[in-house]
Amino acid sequence: MSGYYIYFICSLPMLHFGAKPSMGVERFIQLASELLSQEDVRILKACTQKNIYEHKMEQPTLNKWLTFDTALRNELVKVRSSRKKTDPAKYLRQDGYTEPAISHLALNAYRSPSILEGERMLDMERWRFLEGLSLGHYFDLDFLIVYTLKLLMLERWEKIRTADKEQLLEEAIKT
């Protein structure tokens, strides 16, 4: 059973969208593995896996995140496919999340004249969604899942800031 991790969570630095992360995800997982249950650490590690979208997660917060992000990615596929006049069906992933705002967001991000700005718009919305998931969760596993996902996002933006921006974004969009 998941516990409450008051002292561990209180010791973590605050995360702000656009700020440089004070530690990497690997370091965070290492610290967590010293203080959390094995099952909770396994869930946090699962957050960092690229193939996480291929599995239905039993943890409710992580499942909500995957459902939201899959819906957003599917909308991006639909927008890009319509512009290229290709069938999006072979690229879509199974999801059950429908919200009209996601379609609007995907279209606005796609129409952005800058790839970088479009990605920033998408990640800002992802950040807002994660903020909503963390409401009411201050010292539990749900908070740590959100923290892990935010840390991954900040690491990605730090790589973008320090790397060849256009090449990195092209690679990120392909995955």
N, C-alpha and C. Protein backbone atom coordinates (compact mmCIF):
# COMPACT_ATOMS: atom_id res chain seq x y z
N MET A 1 0.84 -1.19 0.00
CA MET A 1 0.00 0.00 0.00
C MET A 1 0.88 1.24 0.00
N SER A 2 0.45 2.24 -0.74
CA SER A 2 1.19 3.50 -0.80
C SER A 2 1.06 4.23 0.52
N GLY A 3 2.15 4.85 0.90
CA GLY A 3 2.14 5.59 2.15
C GLY A 3 2.19 7.08 1.91
N TYR A 4 2.34 7.77 3.00
CA TYR A 4 2.52 9.21 2.93
C TYR A 4 3.99 9.50 3.15
N TYR A 5 4.53 10.35 2.33
CA TYR A 5 5.96 10.64 2.35
C TYR A 5 6.19 12.11 2.66
N ILE A 6 5.74 12.53 3.83
CA ILE A 6 5.77 13.94 4.21
C ILE A 6 7.18 14.50 4.16
N TYR A 7 8.12 13.86 4.82
CA TYR A 7 9.47 14.41 4.92
C TYR A 7 10.18 14.41 3.57
N PHE A 8 10.00 13.35 2.81
CA PHE A 8 10.63 13.28 1.49
C PHE A 8 10.09 14.38 0.58
N ILE A 9 8.79 14.51 0.52
CA ILE A 9 8.18 15.50 -0.36
C ILE A 9 8.53 16.92 0.07
N CYS A 10 8.56 17.16 1.37
CA CYS A 10 8.93 18.50 1.86
C CYS A 10 10.36 18.86 1.50
N SER A 11 11.21 17.86 1.32
CA SER A 11 12.61 18.13 1.00
C SER A 11 12.84 18.37 -0.50
N LEU A 12 11.84 18.11 -1.32
CA LEU A 12 11.99 18.27 -2.77
C LEU A 12 11.90 19.74 -3.17
N PRO A 13 12.73 20.16 -4.13
CA PRO A 13 12.62 21.53 -4.62
C PRO A 13 11.34 21.73 -5.44
N MET A 14 10.81 22.93 -5.40
CA MET A 14 9.62 23.26 -6.21
C MET A 14 9.99 23.22 -7.68
N LEU A 15 9.04 22.85 -8.51
CA LEU A 15 9.24 22.83 -9.95
C LEU A 15 8.36 23.90 -10.58
N HIS A 16 8.94 24.66 -11.51
CA HIS A 16 8.21 25.70 -12.22
C HIS A 16 8.45 25.51 -13.72
N PHE A 17 7.37 25.60 -14.48
CA PHE A 17 7.50 25.42 -15.92
C PHE A 17 8.46 26.46 -16.49
N GLY A 18 9.40 26.00 -17.28
CA GLY A 18 10.37 26.89 -17.90
C GLY A 18 11.65 27.06 -17.09
N ALA A 19 11.64 26.62 -15.84
CA ALA A 19 12.83 26.76 -14.99
C ALA A 19 13.76 25.55 -15.19
N LYS A 20 15.01 25.76 -14.86
CA LYS A 20 15.98 24.67 -14.94
C LYS A 20 15.73 23.72 -13.77
N PRO A 21 15.65 22.42 -14.04
CA PRO A 21 15.43 21.47 -12.93
C PRO A 21 16.66 21.40 -12.03
N SER A 22 16.44 21.34 -10.74
CA SER A 22 17.56 21.31 -9.80
C SER A 22 18.16 19.92 -9.66
N MET A 23 17.47 18.91 -10.15
CA MET A 23 18.01 17.55 -10.18
C MET A 23 17.37 16.82 -11.35
N GLY A 24 18.04 15.78 -11.79
CA GLY A 24 17.52 14.98 -12.88
C GLY A 24 16.58 13.89 -12.38
N VAL A 25 15.87 13.29 -13.30
CA VAL A 25 14.93 12.22 -12.95
C VAL A 25 15.66 11.03 -12.34
N GLU A 26 16.83 10.71 -12.88
CA GLU A 26 17.58 9.57 -12.34
C GLU A 26 17.93 9.80 -10.87
N ARG A 27 18.38 11.00 -10.54
CA ARG A 27 18.72 11.32 -9.15
C ARG A 27 17.47 11.26 -8.28
N PHE A 28 16.37 11.78 -8.79
CA PHE A 28 15.11 11.75 -8.05
C PHE A 28 14.68 10.31 -7.75
N ILE A 29 14.75 9.44 -8.75
CA ILE A 29 14.38 8.04 -8.56
C ILE A 29 15.32 7.38 -7.55
N GLN A 30 16.59 7.73 -7.62
CA GLN A 30 17.56 7.18 -6.67
C GLN A 30 17.19 7.59 -5.23
N LEU A 31 16.88 8.86 -5.03
CA LEU A 31 16.47 9.33 -3.70
C LEU A 31 15.18 8.64 -3.26
N ALA A 32 14.24 8.52 -4.19
CA ALA A 32 12.96 7.90 -3.87
C ALA A 32 13.14 6.43 -3.48
N SER A 33 14.05 5.74 -4.15
CA SER A 33 14.24 4.31 -3.87
C SER A 33 14.79 4.07 -2.47
N GLU A 34 15.39 5.08 -1.88
CA GLU A 34 15.90 4.94 -0.51
C GLU A 34 14.80 5.10 0.54
N LEU A 35 13.69 5.75 0.16
CA LEU A 35 12.67 6.09 1.15
C LEU A 35 11.28 5.53 0.88
N LEU A 36 11.00 5.16 -0.34
CA LEU A 36 9.66 4.71 -0.71
C LEU A 36 9.58 3.19 -0.75
N SER A 37 8.35 2.70 -0.76
CA SER A 37 8.15 1.26 -0.90
C SER A 37 8.59 0.83 -2.31
N GLN A 38 8.92 -0.43 -2.46
CA GLN A 38 9.37 -0.95 -3.75
C GLN A 38 8.29 -0.78 -4.82
N GLU A 39 7.05 -1.00 -4.44
CA GLU A 39 5.94 -0.86 -5.40
C GLU A 39 5.82 0.58 -5.88
N ASP A 40 5.95 1.55 -4.98
CA ASP A 40 5.85 2.96 -5.37
C ASP A 40 7.03 3.37 -6.25
N VAL A 41 8.20 2.87 -5.95
CA VAL A 41 9.37 3.15 -6.79
C VAL A 41 9.17 2.55 -8.18
N ARG A 42 8.61 1.35 -8.23
CA ARG A 42 8.33 0.71 -9.52
C ARG A 42 7.39 1.58 -10.37
N ILE A 43 6.39 2.16 -9.74
CA ILE A 43 5.45 3.03 -10.45
C ILE A 43 6.15 4.29 -10.94
N LEU A 44 7.00 4.88 -10.11
CA LEU A 44 7.74 6.08 -10.53
C LEU A 44 8.68 5.76 -11.69
N LYS A 45 9.32 4.61 -11.63
CA LYS A 45 10.20 4.20 -12.73
C LYS A 45 9.40 3.98 -14.01
N ALA A 46 8.19 3.45 -13.87
CA ALA A 46 7.34 3.23 -15.04
C ALA A 46 7.02 4.55 -15.74
N CYS A 47 6.91 5.63 -14.98
CA CYS A 47 6.64 6.95 -15.55
C CYS A 47 7.72 7.37 -16.54
N THR A 48 8.93 6.88 -16.35
CA THR A 48 10.06 7.32 -17.17
C THR A 48 10.27 6.45 -18.41
N GLN A 49 9.51 5.38 -18.55
CA GLN A 49 9.69 4.47 -19.67
C GLN A 49 8.98 4.98 -20.92
N LYS A 50 9.65 4.86 -22.06
CA LYS A 50 9.06 5.32 -23.32
C LYS A 50 7.86 4.48 -23.74
N ASN A 51 7.85 3.20 -23.38
CA ASN A 51 6.75 2.33 -23.81
C ASN A 51 5.57 2.36 -22.84
N ILE A 52 5.53 3.31 -21.96
CA ILE A 52 4.46 3.39 -20.97
C ILE A 52 3.09 3.55 -21.64
N TYR A 53 3.05 4.15 -22.83
CA TYR A 53 1.78 4.38 -23.51
C TYR A 53 1.16 3.10 -24.05
N GLU A 54 1.94 2.04 -24.09
CA GLU A 54 1.44 0.77 -24.62
C GLU A 54 0.69 -0.05 -23.58
N HIS A 55 0.71 0.40 -22.33
CA HIS A 55 0.11 -0.37 -21.25
C HIS A 55 -0.98 0.43 -20.55
N LYS A 56 -1.98 -0.27 -20.10
CA LYS A 56 -3.00 0.35 -19.25
C LYS A 56 -2.49 0.26 -17.82
N MET A 57 -2.39 1.39 -17.18
CA MET A 57 -1.87 1.42 -15.82
C MET A 57 -3.01 1.33 -14.82
N GLU A 58 -2.76 0.63 -13.72
CA GLU A 58 -3.78 0.50 -12.68
C GLU A 58 -3.78 1.68 -11.73
N GLN A 59 -2.69 2.40 -11.65
CA GLN A 59 -2.60 3.55 -10.75
C GLN A 59 -3.46 4.67 -11.35
N PRO A 60 -4.47 5.17 -10.65
CA PRO A 60 -5.44 6.11 -11.23
C PRO A 60 -4.84 7.41 -11.76
N THR A 61 -3.93 8.02 -11.02
CA THR A 61 -3.35 9.29 -11.47
C THR A 61 -2.54 9.09 -12.73
N LEU A 62 -1.74 8.06 -12.76
CA LEU A 62 -0.92 7.79 -13.94
C LEU A 62 -1.81 7.42 -15.13
N ASN A 63 -2.87 6.69 -14.87
CA ASN A 63 -3.80 6.32 -15.93
C ASN A 63 -4.49 7.56 -16.51
N LYS A 64 -4.89 8.50 -15.65
CA LYS A 64 -5.51 9.75 -16.14
C LYS A 64 -4.53 10.53 -17.00
N TRP A 65 -3.27 10.58 -16.56
CA TRP A 65 -2.25 11.30 -17.33
C TRP A 65 -2.07 10.66 -18.71
N LEU A 66 -1.93 9.35 -18.74
CA LEU A 66 -1.71 8.66 -20.01
C LEU A 66 -2.90 8.83 -20.94
N THR A 67 -4.09 8.80 -20.40
CA THR A 67 -5.29 8.99 -21.21
C THR A 67 -5.32 10.39 -21.80
N PHE A 68 -5.03 11.40 -20.99
CA PHE A 68 -5.00 12.78 -21.47
C PHE A 68 -3.92 12.96 -22.54
N ASP A 69 -2.71 12.52 -22.25
CA ASP A 69 -1.61 12.74 -23.18
C ASP A 69 -1.81 11.97 -24.48
N THR A 70 -2.38 10.78 -24.40
CA THR A 70 -2.68 10.02 -25.60
C THR A 70 -3.72 10.74 -26.45
N ALA A 71 -4.74 11.30 -25.81
CA ALA A 71 -5.76 12.06 -26.55
C ALA A 71 -5.13 13.27 -27.23
N LEU A 72 -4.24 13.95 -26.54
CA LEU A 72 -3.57 15.11 -27.13
C LEU A 72 -2.71 14.68 -28.32
N ARG A 73 -1.98 13.62 -28.16
CA ARG A 73 -1.15 13.11 -29.27
C ARG A 73 -2.02 12.67 -30.45
N ASN A 74 -3.15 12.05 -30.16
CA ASN A 74 -4.06 11.64 -31.24
C ASN A 74 -4.60 12.84 -32.00
N GLU A 75 -4.92 13.90 -31.28
CA GLU A 75 -5.41 15.11 -31.96
C GLU A 75 -4.32 15.72 -32.84
N LEU A 76 -3.09 15.68 -32.38
CA LEU A 76 -1.98 16.17 -33.21
C LEU A 76 -1.83 15.32 -34.47
N VAL A 77 -2.00 14.02 -34.33
CA VAL A 77 -1.95 13.12 -35.49
C VAL A 77 -3.04 13.50 -36.48
N LYS A 78 -4.25 13.74 -35.99
CA LYS A 78 -5.37 14.09 -36.87
C LYS A 78 -5.11 15.40 -37.61
N VAL A 79 -4.59 16.40 -36.89
CA VAL A 79 -4.32 17.70 -37.51
C VAL A 79 -3.23 17.56 -38.57
N ARG A 80 -2.16 16.89 -38.22
CA ARG A 80 -1.04 16.74 -39.17
C ARG A 80 -1.45 15.88 -40.36
N SER A 81 -2.24 14.85 -40.13
CA SER A 81 -2.68 13.98 -41.22
C SER A 81 -3.59 14.73 -42.19
N SER A 82 -4.46 15.57 -41.65
CA SER A 82 -5.36 16.31 -42.54
C SER A 82 -4.57 17.28 -43.42
N ARG A 83 -3.52 17.85 -42.88
CA ARG A 83 -2.69 18.77 -43.68
C ARG A 83 -1.90 18.02 -44.75
N LYS A 84 -1.51 16.80 -44.45
CA LYS A 84 -0.73 16.01 -45.40
C LYS A 84 -1.61 15.11 -46.25
N LYS A 85 -2.91 15.16 -45.99
CA LYS A 85 -3.90 14.37 -46.73
C LYS A 85 -3.57 12.86 -46.68
N THR A 86 -3.32 12.39 -45.45
CA THR A 86 -3.10 10.96 -45.23
C THR A 86 -4.12 10.47 -44.21
N ASP A 87 -4.28 9.16 -44.17
CA ASP A 87 -5.22 8.56 -43.22
C ASP A 87 -4.57 8.48 -41.84
N PRO A 88 -5.18 9.11 -40.83
CA PRO A 88 -4.58 9.10 -39.49
C PRO A 88 -4.79 7.79 -38.73
N ALA A 89 -5.68 6.93 -39.21
CA ALA A 89 -6.08 5.73 -38.45
C ALA A 89 -4.90 4.84 -38.06
N LYS A 90 -3.93 4.71 -38.95
CA LYS A 90 -2.82 3.80 -38.63
C LYS A 90 -1.85 4.38 -37.60
N TYR A 91 -1.98 5.67 -37.29
CA TYR A 91 -1.09 6.30 -36.32
C TYR A 91 -1.76 6.56 -34.97
N LEU A 92 -3.08 6.43 -34.93
CA LEU A 92 -3.81 6.73 -33.70
C LEU A 92 -3.65 5.62 -32.67
N ARG A 93 -3.60 6.03 -31.41
CA ARG A 93 -3.56 5.08 -30.29
C ARG A 93 -4.93 5.03 -29.66
N GLN A 94 -5.23 3.91 -29.05
CA GLN A 94 -6.52 3.74 -28.38
C GLN A 94 -6.63 4.71 -27.21
N ASP A 95 -7.73 5.40 -27.12
CA ASP A 95 -7.98 6.26 -25.96
C ASP A 95 -9.48 6.41 -25.76
N GLY A 96 -9.87 6.92 -24.63
CA GLY A 96 -11.28 7.12 -24.36
C GLY A 96 -11.57 8.54 -23.91
N TYR A 97 -10.58 9.40 -24.02
CA TYR A 97 -10.70 10.76 -23.50
C TYR A 97 -11.14 11.68 -24.62
N THR A 98 -12.23 12.38 -24.40
CA THR A 98 -12.67 13.34 -25.40
C THR A 98 -12.97 14.66 -24.73
N GLU A 99 -12.34 15.68 -25.20
CA GLU A 99 -12.59 17.02 -24.71
C GLU A 99 -12.32 17.98 -25.87
N PRO A 100 -13.28 18.79 -26.24
CA PRO A 100 -13.11 19.69 -27.38
C PRO A 100 -11.90 20.62 -27.26
N ALA A 101 -11.54 20.98 -26.05
CA ALA A 101 -10.41 21.89 -25.86
C ALA A 101 -9.11 21.28 -26.37
N ILE A 102 -9.00 19.97 -26.34
CA ILE A 102 -7.78 19.31 -26.82
C ILE A 102 -7.63 19.51 -28.33
N SER A 103 -8.72 19.39 -29.06
CA SER A 103 -8.67 19.61 -30.51
C SER A 103 -8.22 21.03 -30.82
N HIS A 104 -8.77 21.97 -30.09
CA HIS A 104 -8.42 23.38 -30.27
C HIS A 104 -6.94 23.61 -29.96
N LEU A 105 -6.47 23.04 -28.89
CA LEU A 105 -5.06 23.19 -28.50
C LEU A 105 -4.14 22.60 -29.56
N ALA A 106 -4.45 21.41 -30.04
CA ALA A 106 -3.61 20.77 -31.06
C ALA A 106 -3.57 21.60 -32.34
N LEU A 107 -4.69 22.14 -32.73
CA LEU A 107 -4.74 22.97 -33.93
C LEU A 107 -3.93 24.24 -33.75
N ASN A 108 -4.07 24.90 -32.61
CA ASN A 108 -3.30 26.12 -32.35
C ASN A 108 -1.80 25.85 -32.31
N ALA A 109 -1.41 24.75 -31.70
CA ALA A 109 0.01 24.41 -31.63
C ALA A 109 0.55 24.12 -33.02
N TYR A 110 -0.24 23.43 -33.83
CA TYR A 110 0.20 23.10 -35.18
C TYR A 110 0.33 24.36 -36.04
N ARG A 111 -0.57 25.30 -35.84
CA ARG A 111 -0.56 26.54 -36.62
C ARG A 111 0.52 27.52 -36.18
N SER A 112 1.13 27.27 -35.05
CA SER A 112 2.16 28.18 -34.56
C SER A 112 3.28 28.28 -35.59
N PRO A 113 3.74 29.49 -35.88
CA PRO A 113 4.80 29.64 -36.88
C PRO A 113 6.13 29.03 -36.43
N SER A 114 6.30 28.85 -35.15
CA SER A 114 7.54 28.28 -34.61
C SER A 114 7.25 26.90 -34.03
N ILE A 115 8.04 25.91 -34.42
CA ILE A 115 7.89 24.57 -33.87
C ILE A 115 8.11 24.62 -32.37
N LEU A 116 9.10 25.39 -31.97
CA LEU A 116 9.43 25.51 -30.55
C LEU A 116 8.26 26.09 -29.75
N GLU A 117 7.65 27.12 -30.29
CA GLU A 117 6.51 27.75 -29.59
C GLU A 117 5.31 26.80 -29.55
N GLY A 118 5.09 26.05 -30.61
CA GLY A 118 4.02 25.06 -30.62
C GLY A 118 4.22 24.00 -29.55
N GLU A 119 5.45 23.52 -29.42
CA GLU A 119 5.76 22.53 -28.38
C GLU A 119 5.60 23.13 -26.99
N ARG A 120 5.97 24.39 -26.84
CA ARG A 120 5.82 25.06 -25.54
C ARG A 120 4.34 25.16 -25.17
N MET A 121 3.49 25.47 -26.15
CA MET A 121 2.04 25.54 -25.89
C MET A 121 1.51 24.19 -25.41
N LEU A 122 1.93 23.13 -26.07
CA LEU A 122 1.48 21.79 -25.71
C LEU A 122 1.95 21.41 -24.31
N ASP A 123 3.22 21.70 -24.01
CA ASP A 123 3.74 21.35 -22.70
C ASP A 123 3.15 22.21 -21.59
N MET A 124 2.82 23.44 -21.89
CA MET A 124 2.16 24.27 -20.87
C MET A 124 0.80 23.69 -20.52
N GLU A 125 0.10 23.18 -21.51
CA GLU A 125 -1.20 22.56 -21.24
C GLU A 125 -1.02 21.24 -20.48
N ARG A 126 0.00 20.50 -20.85
CA ARG A 126 0.30 19.27 -20.10
C ARG A 126 0.60 19.61 -18.64
N TRP A 127 1.38 20.68 -18.42
CA TRP A 127 1.72 21.11 -17.06
C TRP A 127 0.46 21.47 -16.28
N ARG A 128 -0.45 22.21 -16.94
CA ARG A 128 -1.71 22.58 -16.27
C ARG A 128 -2.53 21.35 -15.90
N PHE A 129 -2.55 20.39 -16.79
CA PHE A 129 -3.28 19.16 -16.50
C PHE A 129 -2.66 18.45 -15.30
N LEU A 130 -1.35 18.38 -15.25
CA LEU A 130 -0.67 17.76 -14.11
C LEU A 130 -0.95 18.52 -12.82
N GLU A 131 -1.01 19.84 -12.90
CA GLU A 131 -1.35 20.64 -11.72
C GLU A 131 -2.74 20.23 -11.21
N GLY A 132 -3.67 20.04 -12.13
CA GLY A 132 -5.01 19.61 -11.74
C GLY A 132 -5.01 18.24 -11.10
N LEU A 133 -4.19 17.34 -11.62
CA LEU A 133 -4.10 16.00 -11.03
C LEU A 133 -3.53 16.03 -9.62
N SER A 134 -2.69 17.00 -9.34
CA SER A 134 -2.03 17.03 -8.03
C SER A 134 -2.87 17.69 -6.95
N LEU A 135 -3.98 18.32 -7.33
CA LEU A 135 -4.82 18.98 -6.33
C LEU A 135 -5.29 17.97 -5.29
N GLY A 136 -5.10 18.31 -4.04
CA GLY A 136 -5.52 17.44 -2.95
C GLY A 136 -4.52 16.34 -2.61
N HIS A 137 -3.46 16.26 -3.38
CA HIS A 137 -2.41 15.26 -3.14
C HIS A 137 -1.14 16.00 -2.77
N TYR A 138 -0.82 16.00 -1.51
CA TYR A 138 0.32 16.78 -1.05
C TYR A 138 1.48 15.93 -0.58
N PHE A 139 1.22 14.76 -0.03
CA PHE A 139 2.28 13.95 0.55
C PHE A 139 2.18 12.48 0.16
N ASP A 140 1.56 12.19 -0.97
CA ASP A 140 1.35 10.80 -1.33
C ASP A 140 1.97 10.45 -2.68
N LEU A 141 1.75 9.23 -3.10
CA LEU A 141 2.31 8.75 -4.36
C LEU A 141 1.83 9.57 -5.55
N ASP A 142 0.59 10.00 -5.54
CA ASP A 142 0.05 10.79 -6.65
C ASP A 142 0.89 12.06 -6.85
N PHE A 143 1.24 12.72 -5.76
CA PHE A 143 2.09 13.90 -5.85
C PHE A 143 3.43 13.53 -6.49
N LEU A 144 4.00 12.41 -6.08
CA LEU A 144 5.31 12.00 -6.61
C LEU A 144 5.24 11.61 -8.08
N ILE A 145 4.13 11.05 -8.51
CA ILE A 145 3.95 10.74 -9.93
C ILE A 145 3.93 12.03 -10.73
N VAL A 146 3.15 12.99 -10.28
CA VAL A 146 3.08 14.29 -10.96
C VAL A 146 4.46 14.95 -10.96
N TYR A 147 5.15 14.87 -9.85
CA TYR A 147 6.49 15.45 -9.74
C TYR A 147 7.44 14.81 -10.76
N THR A 148 7.38 13.50 -10.88
CA THR A 148 8.22 12.78 -11.84
C THR A 148 7.92 13.23 -13.26
N LEU A 149 6.65 13.32 -13.61
CA LEU A 149 6.27 13.72 -14.97
C LEU A 149 6.68 15.16 -15.26
N LYS A 150 6.54 16.03 -14.28
CA LYS A 150 6.98 17.41 -14.46
C LYS A 150 8.50 17.49 -14.61
N LEU A 151 9.20 16.71 -13.82
CA LEU A 151 10.66 16.68 -13.89
C LEU A 151 11.12 16.20 -15.27
N LEU A 152 10.44 15.20 -15.81
CA LEU A 152 10.74 14.74 -17.17
C LEU A 152 10.55 15.85 -18.18
N MET A 153 9.48 16.61 -18.02
CA MET A 153 9.20 17.72 -18.93
C MET A 153 10.28 18.79 -18.83
N LEU A 154 10.68 19.13 -17.61
CA LEU A 154 11.72 20.14 -17.42
C LEU A 154 13.07 19.66 -17.97
N GLU A 155 13.37 18.40 -17.81
CA GLU A 155 14.61 17.85 -18.38
C GLU A 155 14.59 17.96 -19.90
N ARG A 156 13.45 17.68 -20.48
CA ARG A 156 13.32 17.78 -21.94
C ARG A 156 13.58 19.22 -22.40
N TRP A 157 13.02 20.20 -21.69
CA TRP A 157 13.21 21.60 -22.07
C TRP A 157 14.64 22.06 -21.80
N GLU A 158 15.28 21.50 -20.82
CA GLU A 158 16.69 21.83 -20.58
C GLU A 158 17.55 21.31 -21.73
N LYS A 159 17.24 20.12 -22.23
CA LYS A 159 17.95 19.59 -23.40
C LYS A 159 17.71 20.48 -24.61
N ILE A 160 16.50 20.96 -24.75
CA ILE A 160 16.18 21.84 -25.87
C ILE A 160 16.98 23.14 -25.77
N ARG A 161 17.07 23.69 -24.56
CA ARG A 161 17.82 24.94 -24.38
C ARG A 161 19.30 24.78 -24.70
N THR A 162 19.85 23.61 -24.43
CA THR A 162 21.30 23.43 -24.58
C THR A 162 21.69 22.70 -25.86
N ALA A 163 20.74 22.29 -26.67
CA ALA A 163 21.04 21.51 -27.87
C ALA A 163 20.64 22.28 -29.13
N ASP A 164 20.89 21.65 -30.25
CA ASP A 164 20.45 22.19 -31.53
C ASP A 164 18.92 22.10 -31.55
N LYS A 165 18.27 23.22 -31.38
CA LYS A 165 16.82 23.25 -31.14
C LYS A 165 15.99 22.62 -32.26
N GLU A 166 16.24 23.01 -33.46
CA GLU A 166 15.42 22.50 -34.56
C GLU A 166 15.57 20.98 -34.73
N GLN A 167 16.78 20.49 -34.66
CA GLN A 167 17.01 19.05 -34.82
C GLN A 167 16.36 18.26 -33.69
N LEU A 168 16.50 18.74 -32.48
CA LEU A 168 15.93 18.04 -31.33
C LEU A 168 14.41 18.01 -31.39
N LEU A 169 13.79 19.10 -31.77
CA LEU A 169 12.33 19.13 -31.85
C LEU A 169 11.81 18.23 -32.97
N GLU A 170 12.52 18.20 -34.07
CA GLU A 170 12.11 17.30 -35.15
C GLU A 170 12.13 15.85 -34.67
N GLU A 171 13.17 15.49 -33.91
CA GLU A 171 13.26 14.13 -33.37
C GLU A 171 12.17 13.87 -32.35
N ALA A 172 11.87 14.87 -31.51
CA ALA A 172 10.85 14.71 -30.47
C ALA A 172 9.47 14.54 -31.09
N ILE A 173 9.21 15.24 -32.14
CA ILE A 173 7.90 15.17 -32.79
C ILE A 173 7.71 13.81 -33.47
N LYS A 174 8.78 13.23 -33.95
CA LYS A 174 8.69 11.93 -34.63
C LYS A 174 8.35 10.80 -33.67
N THR A 175 8.70 10.94 -32.38
CA THR A 175 8.46 9.84 -31.44
C THR A 175 7.09 9.89 -30.85
